Amino acid sequence: MRNLKRVLLAVFVLLLILAILAFVLENQQSVSLLFLGWAGPQLPVSAITVIALLVGMLIGPCIGWLLGRTSRVRRRRMV
């Protein structure tokens, strides 16, 4: 059973890597983002999307940690 889980995890990771690779290869058009008057450099669409994904993966857990921490502090004050 343990080996089956490892094989399924490996297959899932390989499929995910293949999907990301296909996305990157299909989205090589260069674009420049404009946000609040700031113009970014010319980058491929795939690079911008991957950067946004990585930033979200860093910010999301930090926000979750902060919210969990504040709720624990509030519960301690109530007791």
Protein backbone atom coordinates (compact mmCIF):
# COMPACT_ATOMS: atom_id res chain seq x y z
CA MET A 1 0.00 0.00 0.00
CA ARG A 2 2.82 2.38 0.86
CA ASN A 3 4.50 1.72 -2.50
CA LEU A 4 1.24 2.42 -4.35
CA LYS A 5 0.96 5.82 -2.64
CA ARG A 6 4.54 6.65 -3.63
CA VAL A 7 3.93 5.64 -7.23
CA LEU A 8 0.73 7.66 -7.42
CA LEU A 9 2.48 10.68 -5.90
CA ALA A 10 5.34 10.36 -8.39
CA VAL A 11 2.91 10.10 -11.32
CA PHE A 12 1.01 13.15 -10.05
CA VAL A 13 4.22 15.18 -9.69
CA LEU A 14 5.38 14.18 -13.18
CA LEU A 15 2.02 15.15 -14.69
CA LEU A 16 2.14 18.48 -12.87
CA ILE A 17 5.66 19.14 -14.18
CA LEU A 18 4.57 18.27 -17.71
CA ALA A 19 1.56 20.60 -17.46
CA ILE A 20 3.76 23.47 -16.22
CA LEU A 21 6.30 22.81 -18.97
CA ALA A 22 3.57 22.82 -21.63
CA PHE A 23 2.19 26.08 -20.21
CA VAL A 24 5.59 27.75 -20.25
CA LEU A 25 6.37 26.61 -23.79
CA GLU A 26 2.98 27.74 -25.13
CA ASN A 27 3.06 31.22 -23.53
CA GLN A 28 6.25 32.84 -24.73
CA GLN A 29 4.69 36.12 -25.93
CA SER A 30 6.30 39.12 -24.27
CA VAL A 31 4.06 41.55 -22.44
CA SER A 32 4.58 44.56 -20.23
CA LEU A 33 2.32 45.09 -17.24
CA LEU A 34 1.13 48.57 -16.31
CA PHE A 35 0.01 49.06 -12.69
CA LEU A 36 -0.66 52.44 -11.06
CA GLY A 37 1.56 54.21 -13.57
CA TRP A 38 4.45 51.79 -13.13
CA ALA A 39 5.39 49.87 -16.26
CA GLY A 40 7.13 46.55 -15.76
CA PRO A 41 9.79 45.07 -18.03
CA GLN A 42 8.91 43.00 -21.08
CA LEU A 43 8.55 39.41 -19.82
CA PRO A 44 6.89 36.30 -21.23
CA VAL A 45 3.33 35.69 -20.04
CA SER A 46 4.42 32.40 -18.48
CA ALA A 47 7.12 34.11 -16.39
CA ILE A 48 4.65 36.66 -15.02
CA THR A 49 2.16 33.91 -14.19
CA VAL A 50 4.76 31.72 -12.45
CA ILE A 51 6.07 34.71 -10.46
CA ALA A 52 2.51 35.57 -9.36
CA LEU A 53 1.97 31.93 -8.34
CA LEU A 54 5.16 31.86 -6.27
CA VAL A 55 4.36 35.17 -4.56
CA GLY A 56 0.89 33.85 -3.70
CA MET A 57 2.40 30.64 -2.33
CA LEU A 58 4.59 32.75 -0.02
CA ILE A 59 1.97 35.29 1.07
CA GLY A 60 -0.89 32.83 1.64
CA PRO A 61 0.70 30.79 4.44
CA CYS A 62 2.00 33.98 6.09
CA ILE A 63 -1.52 35.44 6.22
CA GLY A 64 -2.87 32.15 7.54
CA TRP A 65 -0.22 32.07 10.25
CA LEU A 66 -0.97 35.65 11.29
CA LEU A 67 -4.73 35.04 11.43
CA GLY A 68 -4.22 31.85 13.45
CA ARG A 69 -1.91 33.64 15.83
CA THR A 70 -4.34 36.51 16.46
CA SER A 71 -7.25 34.12 17.04
CA ARG A 72 -5.18 32.17 19.61
CA VAL A 73 -4.32 35.40 21.41
CA ARG A 74 -8.01 36.40 21.52
CA ARG A 75 -8.98 32.99 22.93
CA ARG A 76 -6.38 33.30 25.68
CA ARG A 77 -7.71 36.73 26.66
CA MET A 78 -11.26 35.37 26.91
CA VAL A 79 -10.28 32.67 29.41
